[in-house]
Amino acid sequence: VGDWRMQADRHEVKELSAGQLRRQLDETRELLGEH
């Protein structure tokens, strides 16, 4: 969540939920595909 800013208030936010797993898996597959 740092928005490419050096002095961001927060750089990352943690959420270990099933919804987060599904969302981020889709995002990862979009970028890395079969790799």
All heavy atoms as atom14 arrays in JSON, in Angstrom:
{
  "sequence": "VGDWRMQADRHEVKELSAGQLRRQLDETRELLGEH",
  "atom14_mask": [
    [1, 1, 1, 1, 1, 1, 1, 0, 0, 0, 0, 0, 0, 0],
    [1, 1, 1, 1, 0, 0, 0, 0, 0, 0, 0, 0, 0, 0],
    [1, 1, 1, 1, 1, 1, 1, 1, 0, 0, 0, 0, 0, 0],
    [1, 1, 1, 1, 1, 1, 1, 1, 1, 1, 1, 1, 1, 1],
    [1, 1, 1, 1, 1, 1, 1, 1, 1, 1, 1, 0, 0, 0],
    [1, 1, 1, 1, 1, 1, 1, 1, 0, 0, 0, 0, 0, 0],
    [1, 1, 1, 1, 1, 1, 1, 1, 1, 0, 0, 0, 0, 0],
    [1, 1, 1, 1, 1, 0, 0, 0, 0, 0, 0, 0, 0, 0],
    [1, 1, 1, 1, 1, 1, 1, 1, 0, 0, 0, 0, 0, 0],
    [1, 1, 1, 1, 1, 1, 1, 1, 1, 1, 1, 0, 0, 0],
    [1, 1, 1, 1, 1, 1, 1, 1, 1, 1, 0, 0, 0, 0],
    [1, 1, 1, 1, 1, 1, 1, 1, 1, 0, 0, 0, 0, 0],
    [1, 1, 1, 1, 1, 1, 1, 0, 0, 0, 0, 0, 0, 0],
    [1, 1, 1, 1, 1, 1, 1, 1, 1, 0, 0, 0, 0, 0],
    [1, 1, 1, 1, 1, 1, 1, 1, 1, 0, 0, 0, 0, 0],
    [1, 1, 1, 1, 1, 1, 1, 1, 0, 0, 0, 0, 0, 0],
    [1, 1, 1, 1, 1, 1, 0, 0, 0, 0, 0, 0, 0, 0],
    [1, 1, 1, 1, 1, 0, 0, 0, 0, 0, 0, 0, 0, 0],
    [1, 1, 1, 1, 0, 0, 0, 0, 0, 0, 0, 0, 0, 0],
    [1, 1, 1, 1, 1, 1, 1, 1, 1, 0, 0, 0, 0, 0],
    [1, 1, 1, 1, 1, 1, 1, 1, 0, 0, 0, 0, 0, 0],
    [1, 1, 1, 1, 1, 1, 1, 1, 1, 1, 1, 0, 0, 0],
    [1, 1, 1, 1, 1, 1, 1, 1, 1, 1, 1, 0, 0, 0],
    [1, 1, 1, 1, 1, 1, 1, 1, 1, 0, 0, 0, 0, 0],
    [1, 1, 1, 1, 1, 1, 1, 1, 0, 0, 0, 0, 0, 0],
    [1, 1, 1, 1, 1, 1, 1, 1, 0, 0, 0, 0, 0, 0],
    [1, 1, 1, 1, 1, 1, 1, 1, 1, 0, 0, 0, 0, 0],
    [1, 1, 1, 1, 1, 1, 1, 0, 0, 0, 0, 0, 0, 0],
    [1, 1, 1, 1, 1, 1, 1, 1, 1, 1, 1, 0, 0, 0],
    [1, 1, 1, 1, 1, 1, 1, 1, 1, 0, 0, 0, 0, 0],
    [1, 1, 1, 1, 1, 1, 1, 1, 0, 0, 0, 0, 0, 0],
    [1, 1, 1, 1, 1, 1, 1, 1, 0, 0, 0, 0, 0, 0],
    [1, 1, 1, 1, 0, 0, 0, 0, 0, 0, 0, 0, 0, 0],
    [1, 1, 1, 1, 1, 1, 1, 1, 1, 0, 0, 0, 0, 0],
    [1, 1, 1, 1, 1, 1, 1, 1, 1, 1, 0, 0, 0, 0]
  ],
  "atom14_positions": [
    [[0.83, -1.21, 0.0], [0.0, 0.0, 0.0], [0.86, 1.26, 0.0], [0.36, 2.35, 0.22], [-0.96, 0.01, 1.21], [-1.94, -1.15, 1.13], [-0.18, -0.04, 2.54], [0.0, 0.0, 0.0], [0.0, 0.0, 0.0], [0.0, 0.0, 0.0], [0.0, 0.0, 0.0], [0.0, 0.0, 0.0], [0.0, 0.0, 0.0], [0.0, 0.0, 0.0]],
    [[2.15, 1.11, -0.25], [3.06, 2.25, -0.2], [2.97, 3.2, -1.35], [3.53, 4.3, -1.31], [0.0, 0.0, 0.0], [0.0, 0.0, 0.0], [0.0, 0.0, 0.0], [0.0, 0.0, 0.0], [0.0, 0.0, 0.0], [0.0, 0.0, 0.0], [0.0, 0.0, 0.0], [0.0, 0.0, 0.0], [0.0, 0.0, 0.0], [0.0, 0.0, 0.0]],
    [[2.27, 2.78, -2.44], [2.05, 3.65, -3.6], [3.36, 4.22, -4.15], [3.41, 5.36, -4.61], [1.08, 4.78, -3.24], [0.51, 5.48, -4.47], [0.39, 4.81, -5.53], [0.21, 6.68, -4.38], [0.0, 0.0, 0.0], [0.0, 0.0, 0.0], [0.0, 0.0, 0.0], [0.0, 0.0, 0.0], [0.0, 0.0, 0.0], [0.0, 0.0, 0.0]],
    [[4.43, 3.44, -4.07], [5.75, 3.82, -4.58], [6.27, 5.13, -3.96], [6.96, 5.92, -4.57], [5.73, 3.93, -6.11], [7.06, 3.53, -6.69], [8.06, 4.38, -7.1], [7.55, 2.21, -6.92], [9.15, 3.66, -7.55], [8.85, 2.32, -7.47], [7.02, 0.94, -6.72], [9.61, 1.21, -7.8], [7.78, -0.16, -7.05], [9.05, -0.02, -7.59]],
    [[5.94, 5.34, -2.69], [6.41, 6.53, -1.97], [7.41, 6.11, -0.9], [7.15, 5.2, -0.13], [5.23, 7.27, -1.33], [4.33, 7.96, -2.35], [3.14, 8.63, -1.68], [2.23, 7.66, -1.1], [1.85, 7.66, 0.18], [2.32, 8.56, 1.02], [1.0, 6.74, 0.63], [0.0, 0.0, 0.0], [0.0, 0.0, 0.0], [0.0, 0.0, 0.0]],
    [[8.54, 6.8, -0.84], [9.57, 6.49, 0.14], [9.07, 6.71, 1.57], [9.4, 5.97, 2.48], [10.8, 7.35, -0.11], [11.54, 7.02, -1.41], [12.42, 5.44, -1.29], [13.67, 5.86, -0.08], [0.0, 0.0, 0.0], [0.0, 0.0, 0.0], [0.0, 0.0, 0.0], [0.0, 0.0, 0.0], [0.0, 0.0, 0.0], [0.0, 0.0, 0.0]],
    [[8.28, 7.76, 1.78], [7.87, 8.14, 3.12], [6.41, 7.81, 3.39], [5.72, 8.54, 4.09], [8.11, 9.65, 3.32], [9.53, 10.1, 3.06], [10.55, 9.39, 3.94], [10.25, 9.07, 5.09], [11.74, 9.14, 3.42], [0.0, 0.0, 0.0], [0.0, 0.0, 0.0], [0.0, 0.0, 0.0], [0.0, 0.0, 0.0], [0.0, 0.0, 0.0]],
    [[5.92, 6.73, 2.84], [4.53, 6.34, 3.06], [4.29, 6.06, 4.55], [5.19, 5.6, 5.26], [4.2, 5.1, 2.25], [0.0, 0.0, 0.0], [0.0, 0.0, 0.0], [0.0, 0.0, 0.0], [0.0, 0.0, 0.0], [0.0, 0.0, 0.0], [0.0, 0.0, 0.0], [0.0, 0.0, 0.0], [0.0, 0.0, 0.0], [0.0, 0.0, 0.0]],
    [[3.08, 6.36, 5.03], [2.74, 6.07, 6.42], [2.8, 4.57, 6.68], [3.24, 4.13, 7.74], [1.33, 6.59, 6.74], [1.27, 8.11, 6.72], [2.32, 8.75, 6.94], [0.18, 8.65, 6.48], [0.0, 0.0, 0.0], [0.0, 0.0, 0.0], [0.0, 0.0, 0.0], [0.0, 0.0, 0.0], [0.0, 0.0, 0.0], [0.0, 0.0, 0.0]],
    [[2.3, 3.79, 5.73], [2.38, 2.33, 5.8], [2.78, 1.81, 4.43], [2.3, 2.3, 3.41], [1.03, 1.73, 6.2], [0.65, 1.95, 7.64], [-0.54, 1.09, 8.03], [-1.72, 1.36, 7.23], [-2.87, 0.69, 7.33], [-2.97, -0.33, 8.19], [-3.9, 1.01, 6.58], [0.0, 0.0, 0.0], [0.0, 0.0, 0.0], [0.0, 0.0, 0.0]],
    [[3.63, 0.81, 4.41], [4.09, 0.23, 3.15], [3.37, -1.06, 2.81], [3.29, -1.43, 1.63], [5.59, 0.0, 3.2], [6.39, 1.25, 3.3], [6.81, 1.96, 2.2], [6.84, 1.95, 4.38], [7.49, 3.03, 2.59], [7.51, 3.05, 3.91], [0.0, 0.0, 0.0], [0.0, 0.0, 0.0], [0.0, 0.0, 0.0], [0.0, 0.0, 0.0]],
    [[2.87, -1.78, 3.81], [2.18, -3.03, 3.57], [1.18, -3.3, 4.68], [1.35, -2.83, 5.81], [3.18, -4.2, 3.44], [4.12, -4.34, 4.63], [5.21, -5.36, 4.39], [5.45, -5.74, 3.23], [5.83, -5.78, 5.4], [0.0, 0.0, 0.0], [0.0, 0.0, 0.0], [0.0, 0.0, 0.0], [0.0, 0.0, 0.0], [0.0, 0.0, 0.0]],
    [[0.13, -4.03, 4.33], [-0.92, -4.37, 5.28], [-1.15, -5.88, 5.23], [-1.28, -6.45, 4.14], [-2.24, -3.63, 4.95], [-3.35, -4.09, 5.88], [-2.03, -2.12, 5.06], [0.0, 0.0, 0.0], [0.0, 0.0, 0.0], [0.0, 0.0, 0.0], [0.0, 0.0, 0.0], [0.0, 0.0, 0.0], [0.0, 0.0, 0.0], [0.0, 0.0, 0.0]],
    [[-1.23, -6.51, 6.39], [-1.37, -7.96, 6.48], [-2.82, -8.37, 6.66], [-3.54, -7.81, 7.47], [-0.53, -8.47, 7.66], [-0.46, -9.98, 7.8], [0.47, -10.35, 8.95], [0.69, -11.85, 9.06], [1.63, -12.18, 10.16], [0.0, 0.0, 0.0], [0.0, 0.0, 0.0], [0.0, 0.0, 0.0], [0.0, 0.0, 0.0], [0.0, 0.0, 0.0]],
    [[-3.24, -9.36, 5.88], [-4.56, -9.96, 6.04], [-4.48, -11.42, 5.59], [-4.43, -11.7, 4.39], [-5.62, -9.23, 5.21], [-7.02, -9.84, 5.36], [-8.03, -9.28, 4.39], [-7.87, -8.12, 3.95], [-8.97, -10.01, 4.05], [0.0, 0.0, 0.0], [0.0, 0.0, 0.0], [0.0, 0.0, 0.0], [0.0, 0.0, 0.0], [0.0, 0.0, 0.0]],
    [[-4.52, -12.33, 6.52], [-4.4, -13.75, 6.2], [-5.78, -14.41, 6.22], [-6.09, -15.24, 7.07], [-3.46, -14.44, 7.19], [-2.0, -13.98, 7.18], [-1.18, -14.71, 8.23], [-1.39, -14.18, 5.8], [0.0, 0.0, 0.0], [0.0, 0.0, 0.0], [0.0, 0.0, 0.0], [0.0, 0.0, 0.0], [0.0, 0.0, 0.0], [0.0, 0.0, 0.0]],
    [[-6.6, -14.01, 5.26], [-7.96, -14.54, 5.16], [-8.13, -15.32, 3.87], [-7.33, -15.19, 2.93], [-8.97, -13.39, 5.18], [-8.86, -12.61, 4.0], [0.0, 0.0, 0.0], [0.0, 0.0, 0.0], [0.0, 0.0, 0.0], [0.0, 0.0, 0.0], [0.0, 0.0, 0.0], [0.0, 0.0, 0.0], [0.0, 0.0, 0.0], [0.0, 0.0, 0.0]],
    [[-9.21, -16.14, 3.82], [-9.49, -16.89, 2.6], [-9.79, -15.96, 1.43], [-9.4, -16.22, 0.29], [-10.66, -17.85, 2.84], [0.0, 0.0, 0.0], [0.0, 0.0, 0.0], [0.0, 0.0, 0.0], [0.0, 0.0, 0.0], [0.0, 0.0, 0.0], [0.0, 0.0, 0.0], [0.0, 0.0, 0.0], [0.0, 0.0, 0.0], [0.0, 0.0, 0.0]],
    [[-10.46, -14.85, 1.72], [-10.73, -13.88, 0.66], [-9.46, -13.28, 0.09], [-9.32, -13.1, -1.12], [0.0, 0.0, 0.0], [0.0, 0.0, 0.0], [0.0, 0.0, 0.0], [0.0, 0.0, 0.0], [0.0, 0.0, 0.0], [0.0, 0.0, 0.0], [0.0, 0.0, 0.0], [0.0, 0.0, 0.0], [0.0, 0.0, 0.0], [0.0, 0.0, 0.0]],
    [[-8.53, -12.98, 0.98], [-7.24, -12.45, 0.53], [-6.49, -13.48, -0.3], [-5.87, -13.15, -1.32], [-6.4, -12.03, 1.74], [-5.04, -11.43, 1.43], [-5.09, -9.95, 1.12], [-5.94, -9.5, 0.35], [-4.18, -9.2, 1.72], [0.0, 0.0, 0.0], [0.0, 0.0, 0.0], [0.0, 0.0, 0.0], [0.0, 0.0, 0.0], [0.0, 0.0, 0.0]],
    [[-6.52, -14.72, 0.12], [-5.89, -15.79, -0.66], [-6.45, -15.83, -2.08], [-5.69, -15.86, -3.05], [-6.08, -17.14, 0.03], [-5.74, -18.4, -0.78], [-4.28, -18.39, -1.22], [-6.06, -19.65, 0.03], [0.0, 0.0, 0.0], [0.0, 0.0, 0.0], [0.0, 0.0, 0.0], [0.0, 0.0, 0.0], [0.0, 0.0, 0.0], [0.0, 0.0, 0.0]],
    [[-7.77, -15.82, -2.21], [-8.37, -15.89, -3.54], [-8.02, -14.67, -4.38], [-7.65, -14.79, -5.56], [-9.9, -16.03, -3.41], [-10.36, -17.37, -2.85], [-11.86, -17.52, -2.99], [-12.57, -16.55, -2.15], [-12.95, -16.78, -0.9], [-12.67, -17.95, -0.32], [-13.61, -15.87, -0.22], [0.0, 0.0, 0.0], [0.0, 0.0, 0.0], [0.0, 0.0, 0.0]],
    [[-8.13, -13.47, -3.78], [-7.83, -12.25, -4.53], [-6.38, -12.22, -4.99], [-6.09, -11.94, -6.17], [-8.1, -11.02, -3.66], [-9.56, -10.67, -3.44], [-9.71, -9.32, -2.76], [-9.09, -9.3, -1.44], [-9.73, -9.63, -0.31], [-10.98, -10.06, -0.37], [-9.11, -9.55, 0.85], [0.0, 0.0, 0.0], [0.0, 0.0, 0.0], [0.0, 0.0, 0.0]],
    [[-5.48, -12.5, -4.07], [-4.06, -12.37, -4.4], [-3.58, -13.49, -5.3], [-2.69, -13.28, -6.12], [-3.24, -12.26, -3.13], [-3.53, -10.97, -2.36], [-2.47, -10.61, -1.35], [-1.96, -11.47, -0.62], [-2.12, -9.34, -1.29], [0.0, 0.0, 0.0], [0.0, 0.0, 0.0], [0.0, 0.0, 0.0], [0.0, 0.0, 0.0], [0.0, 0.0, 0.0]],
    [[-4.15, -14.66, -5.19], [-3.8, -15.74, -6.12], [-4.16, -15.35, -7.55], [-3.36, -15.57, -8.48], [-4.49, -17.03, -5.73], [-4.25, -18.24, -6.65], [-2.77, -18.57, -6.76], [-5.04, -19.46, -6.16], [0.0, 0.0, 0.0], [0.0, 0.0, 0.0], [0.0, 0.0, 0.0], [0.0, 0.0, 0.0], [0.0, 0.0, 0.0], [0.0, 0.0, 0.0]],
    [[-5.32, -14.74, -7.73], [-5.7, -14.28, -9.07], [-4.71, -13.23, -9.58], [-4.31, -13.25, -10.75], [-7.11, -13.69, -9.05], [-8.2, -14.75, -8.93], [-7.91, -15.94, -9.16], [-9.34, -14.38, -8.6], [0.0, 0.0, 0.0], [0.0, 0.0, 0.0], [0.0, 0.0, 0.0], [0.0, 0.0, 0.0], [0.0, 0.0, 0.0], [0.0, 0.0, 0.0]],
    [[-4.29, -12.32, -8.7], [-3.34, -11.28, -9.1], [-1.99, -11.88, -9.44], [-1.35, -11.48, -10.44], [-3.21, -10.26, -7.96], [-4.47, -9.46, -7.7], [-4.45, -8.72, -6.37], [-3.5, -8.93, -5.57], [-5.39, -7.94, -6.12], [0.0, 0.0, 0.0], [0.0, 0.0, 0.0], [0.0, 0.0, 0.0], [0.0, 0.0, 0.0], [0.0, 0.0, 0.0]],
    [[-1.55, -12.82, -8.63], [-0.26, -13.46, -8.89], [-0.29, -14.22, -10.21], [0.66, -14.15, -11.01], [0.09, -14.42, -7.74], [0.28, -13.66, -6.54], [1.36, -15.21, -8.04], [0.0, 0.0, 0.0], [0.0, 0.0, 0.0], [0.0, 0.0, 0.0], [0.0, 0.0, 0.0], [0.0, 0.0, 0.0], [0.0, 0.0, 0.0], [0.0, 0.0, 0.0]],
    [[-1.35, -14.96, -10.45], [-1.45, -15.71, -11.7], [-1.51, -14.8, -12.91], [-1.0, -15.15, -13.98], [-2.68, -16.62, -11.64], [-2.43, -17.89, -10.83], [-3.66, -18.75, -10.71], [-3.33, -20.13, -10.4], [-4.18, -21.0, -9.89], [-5.42, -20.64, -9.62], [-3.8, -22.24, -9.65], [0.0, 0.0, 0.0], [0.0, 0.0, 0.0], [0.0, 0.0, 0.0]],
    [[-2.09, -13.62, -12.76], [-2.13, -12.67, -13.86], [-0.72, -12.23, -14.25], [-0.41, -12.03, -15.43], [-2.96, -11.44, -13.46], [-3.07, -10.37, -14.52], [-3.91, -10.78, -15.72], [-4.74, -11.7, -15.58], [-3.73, -10.17, -16.8], [0.0, 0.0, 0.0], [0.0, 0.0, 0.0], [0.0, 0.0, 0.0], [0.0, 0.0, 0.0], [0.0, 0.0, 0.0]],
    [[0.15, -12.12, -13.27], [1.51, -11.63, -13.51], [2.52, -12.74, -13.8], [3.45, -12.55, -14.59], [1.99, -10.81, -12.3], [1.24, -9.51, -12.06], [1.55, -8.95, -10.68], [1.57, -8.48, -13.14], [0.0, 0.0, 0.0], [0.0, 0.0, 0.0], [0.0, 0.0, 0.0], [0.0, 0.0, 0.0], [0.0, 0.0, 0.0], [0.0, 0.0, 0.0]],
    [[2.36, -13.89, -13.17], [3.34, -14.97, -13.31], [2.85, -16.14, -14.15], [3.66, -16.95, -14.6], [3.76, -15.46, -11.93], [4.48, -14.45, -11.04], [4.77, -15.04, -9.67], [5.78, -13.97, -11.69], [0.0, 0.0, 0.0], [0.0, 0.0, 0.0], [0.0, 0.0, 0.0], [0.0, 0.0, 0.0], [0.0, 0.0, 0.0], [0.0, 0.0, 0.0]],
    [[1.55, -16.27, -14.32], [1.0, -17.31, -15.17], [1.48, -18.7, -14.78], [1.53, -19.05, -13.59], [0.0, 0.0, 0.0], [0.0, 0.0, 0.0], [0.0, 0.0, 0.0], [0.0, 0.0, 0.0], [0.0, 0.0, 0.0], [0.0, 0.0, 0.0], [0.0, 0.0, 0.0], [0.0, 0.0, 0.0], [0.0, 0.0, 0.0], [0.0, 0.0, 0.0]],
    [[1.85, -19.49, -15.78], [2.23, -20.88, -15.54], [3.59, -21.02, -14.88], [4.0, -22.12, -14.52], [2.22, -21.65, -16.86], [0.84, -21.79, -17.49], [0.86, -22.57, -18.77], [1.95, -23.08, -19.15], [-0.19, -22.69, -19.41], [0.0, 0.0, 0.0], [0.0, 0.0, 0.0], [0.0, 0.0, 0.0], [0.0, 0.0, 0.0], [0.0, 0.0, 0.0]],
    [[4.29, -19.91, -14.69], [5.58, -19.99, -14.0], [5.42, -20.25, -12.51], [6.37, -20.7, -11.86], [6.37, -18.69, -14.19], [6.9, -18.5, -15.58], [8.03, -19.16, -16.03], [6.46, -17.75, -16.61], [8.27, -18.81, -17.29], [7.33, -17.95, -17.66], [0.0, 0.0, 0.0], [0.0, 0.0, 0.0], [0.0, 0.0, 0.0], [0.0, 0.0, 0.0]]
  ]
}
